[in-house]
Amino acid sequence: MSELEAHVVHQEGIIQDLSNDIAKQWESIDAFTRTVEQLKDQLLNLADGVQFILPGKLPPQY
């Protein structure tokens, strides 16, 4: 195997490793995005519940 062929094989390995790393990062980003959306929904539901309990009016102690 020539030096150039060895270099190409090495570069292909590096490119594949980088591609795998990027795929894993996208999986993490997707998971974080789903988590943020779930938390946002929970906060909105909580806010709706507070509005139901206190419809535009603060309790007397405020």
N, C-alpha and C. Protein backbone atom coordinates (compact mmCIF):
# COMPACT_ATOMS: atom_id res chain seq x y z
N MET A 1 0.86 -1.17 0.00
CA MET A 1 0.00 0.00 0.00
C MET A 1 0.91 1.24 0.00
N SER A 2 0.58 2.16 -0.84
CA SER A 2 1.39 3.36 -0.93
C SER A 2 1.08 4.30 0.22
N GLU A 3 1.95 5.26 0.38
CA GLU A 3 1.76 6.24 1.44
C GLU A 3 0.47 7.04 1.21
N LEU A 4 0.17 7.36 -0.03
CA LEU A 4 -1.04 8.10 -0.36
C LEU A 4 -2.29 7.28 -0.04
N GLU A 5 -2.27 5.99 -0.36
CA GLU A 5 -3.42 5.12 -0.05
C GLU A 5 -3.62 5.01 1.45
N ALA A 6 -2.54 4.90 2.19
CA ALA A 6 -2.65 4.82 3.65
C ALA A 6 -3.24 6.11 4.21
N HIS A 7 -2.81 7.23 3.64
CA HIS A 7 -3.34 8.52 4.08
C HIS A 7 -4.84 8.62 3.81
N VAL A 8 -5.27 8.16 2.64
CA VAL A 8 -6.69 8.20 2.28
C VAL A 8 -7.50 7.32 3.22
N VAL A 9 -7.01 6.14 3.51
CA VAL A 9 -7.70 5.22 4.42
C VAL A 9 -7.83 5.86 5.81
N HIS A 10 -6.75 6.49 6.25
CA HIS A 10 -6.77 7.16 7.55
C HIS A 10 -7.81 8.29 7.56
N GLN A 11 -7.82 9.09 6.51
CA GLN A 11 -8.78 10.19 6.41
C GLN A 11 -10.22 9.68 6.38
N GLU A 12 -10.46 8.59 5.69
CA GLU A 12 -11.80 8.00 5.66
C GLU A 12 -12.24 7.58 7.05
N GLY A 13 -11.32 7.03 7.82
CA GLY A 13 -11.63 6.66 9.20
C GLY A 13 -11.99 7.85 10.05
N ILE A 14 -11.24 8.93 9.89
CA ILE A 14 -11.51 10.15 10.64
C ILE A 14 -12.87 10.72 10.25
N ILE A 15 -13.16 10.74 8.95
CA ILE A 15 -14.45 11.25 8.48
C ILE A 15 -15.59 10.42 9.05
N GLN A 16 -15.43 9.12 9.08
CA GLN A 16 -16.48 8.25 9.63
C GLN A 16 -16.68 8.51 11.12
N ASP A 17 -15.57 8.68 11.85
CA ASP A 17 -15.67 8.98 13.29
C ASP A 17 -16.40 10.30 13.52
N LEU A 18 -16.06 11.31 12.73
CA LEU A 18 -16.73 12.60 12.86
C LEU A 18 -18.21 12.50 12.52
N SER A 19 -18.53 11.73 11.51
CA SER A 19 -19.93 11.53 11.14
C SER A 19 -20.70 10.86 12.27
N ASN A 20 -20.09 9.87 12.89
CA ASN A 20 -20.74 9.18 14.03
C ASN A 20 -20.94 10.15 15.20
N ASP A 21 -19.93 10.98 15.46
CA ASP A 21 -20.04 11.95 16.55
C ASP A 21 -21.17 12.94 16.29
N ILE A 22 -21.28 13.41 15.07
CA ILE A 22 -22.34 14.36 14.71
C ILE A 22 -23.71 13.70 14.86
N ALA A 23 -23.83 12.46 14.45
CA ALA A 23 -25.11 11.75 14.58
C ALA A 23 -25.50 11.64 16.06
N LYS A 24 -24.54 11.34 16.92
CA LYS A 24 -24.82 11.25 18.36
C LYS A 24 -25.23 12.61 18.91
N GLN A 25 -24.56 13.67 18.46
CA GLN A 25 -24.91 15.00 18.93
C GLN A 25 -26.33 15.37 18.51
N TRP A 26 -26.72 15.03 17.31
CA TRP A 26 -28.09 15.31 16.87
C TRP A 26 -29.10 14.55 17.70
N GLU A 27 -28.77 13.31 18.08
CA GLU A 27 -29.66 12.55 18.95
C GLU A 27 -29.83 13.27 20.28
N SER A 28 -28.72 13.78 20.82
CA SER A 28 -28.79 14.52 22.09
C SER A 28 -29.60 15.80 21.93
N ILE A 29 -29.38 16.52 20.85
CA ILE A 29 -30.12 17.75 20.60
C ILE A 29 -31.62 17.46 20.49
N ASP A 30 -31.97 16.40 19.79
CA ASP A 30 -33.38 16.02 19.67
C ASP A 30 -33.98 15.68 21.03
N ALA A 31 -33.22 14.96 21.84
CA ALA A 31 -33.72 14.60 23.18
C ALA A 31 -33.89 15.85 24.04
N PHE A 32 -32.92 16.77 23.99
CA PHE A 32 -33.03 18.02 24.75
C PHE A 32 -34.22 18.84 24.27
N THR A 33 -34.44 18.88 22.97
CA THR A 33 -35.56 19.63 22.41
C THR A 33 -36.88 19.06 22.91
N ARG A 34 -37.01 17.73 22.91
CA ARG A 34 -38.23 17.10 23.41
C ARG A 34 -38.43 17.43 24.90
N THR A 35 -37.35 17.39 25.68
CA THR A 35 -37.44 17.70 27.10
C THR A 35 -37.88 19.13 27.33
N VAL A 36 -37.31 20.07 26.59
CA VAL A 36 -37.68 21.48 26.73
C VAL A 36 -39.15 21.67 26.36
N GLU A 37 -39.60 21.02 25.30
CA GLU A 37 -41.01 21.14 24.91
C GLU A 37 -41.93 20.58 26.00
N GLN A 38 -41.54 19.46 26.60
CA GLN A 38 -42.35 18.89 27.67
C GLN A 38 -42.39 19.82 28.87
N LEU A 39 -41.25 20.40 29.23
CA LEU A 39 -41.21 21.34 30.35
C LEU A 39 -42.04 22.58 30.06
N LYS A 40 -41.96 23.06 28.82
CA LYS A 40 -42.76 24.22 28.43
C LYS A 40 -44.25 23.91 28.58
N ASP A 41 -44.66 22.73 28.11
CA ASP A 41 -46.06 22.33 28.24
C ASP A 41 -46.48 22.25 29.71
N GLN A 42 -45.59 21.70 30.54
CA GLN A 42 -45.90 21.60 31.96
C GLN A 42 -46.05 22.97 32.59
N LEU A 43 -45.17 23.90 32.23
CA LEU A 43 -45.28 25.26 32.76
C LEU A 43 -46.56 25.94 32.30
N LEU A 44 -46.90 25.76 31.05
CA LEU A 44 -48.14 26.35 30.54
C LEU A 44 -49.35 25.77 31.26
N ASN A 45 -49.34 24.47 31.49
CA ASN A 45 -50.44 23.83 32.22
C ASN A 45 -50.50 24.34 33.65
N LEU A 46 -49.35 24.52 34.27
CA LEU A 46 -49.30 25.05 35.63
C LEU A 46 -49.85 26.48 35.66
N ALA A 47 -49.44 27.28 34.68
CA ALA A 47 -49.94 28.66 34.60
C ALA A 47 -51.45 28.66 34.40
N ASP A 48 -51.96 27.76 33.57
CA ASP A 48 -53.41 27.67 33.37
C ASP A 48 -54.10 27.30 34.68
N GLY A 49 -53.49 26.40 35.44
CA GLY A 49 -54.07 26.01 36.73
C GLY A 49 -54.09 27.16 37.71
N VAL A 50 -53.04 27.96 37.71
CA VAL A 50 -52.99 29.11 38.60
C VAL A 50 -54.06 30.12 38.18
N GLN A 51 -54.24 30.33 36.90
CA GLN A 51 -55.28 31.25 36.43
C GLN A 51 -56.67 30.74 36.82
N PHE A 52 -56.84 29.43 36.83
CA PHE A 52 -58.12 28.85 37.23
C PHE A 52 -58.37 29.10 38.72
N ILE A 53 -57.32 28.93 39.52
CA ILE A 53 -57.45 29.13 40.98
C ILE A 53 -57.56 30.62 41.31
N LEU A 54 -56.74 31.42 40.65
CA LEU A 54 -56.69 32.87 40.92
C LEU A 54 -57.00 33.63 39.64
N PRO A 55 -58.22 33.67 39.22
CA PRO A 55 -58.52 34.31 37.93
C PRO A 55 -58.35 35.82 37.98
N GLY A 56 -57.10 36.29 37.75
CA GLY A 56 -56.82 37.71 37.68
C GLY A 56 -56.92 38.46 39.00
N LYS A 57 -56.92 37.73 40.10
CA LYS A 57 -57.08 38.36 41.40
C LYS A 57 -56.09 37.76 42.38
N LEU A 58 -55.36 38.60 43.06
CA LEU A 58 -54.42 38.12 44.05
C LEU A 58 -55.13 37.85 45.38
N PRO A 59 -54.63 36.93 46.16
CA PRO A 59 -55.23 36.67 47.48
C PRO A 59 -55.09 37.92 48.37
N PRO A 60 -55.90 38.05 49.43
CA PRO A 60 -55.92 39.24 50.27
C PRO A 60 -54.55 39.59 50.89
N GLN A 61 -53.72 38.61 51.16
CA GLN A 61 -52.44 38.91 51.81
C GLN A 61 -51.48 39.66 50.89
N TYR A 62 -51.79 39.79 49.60
CA TYR A 62 -50.92 40.55 48.69
C TYR A 62 -51.48 41.92 48.60
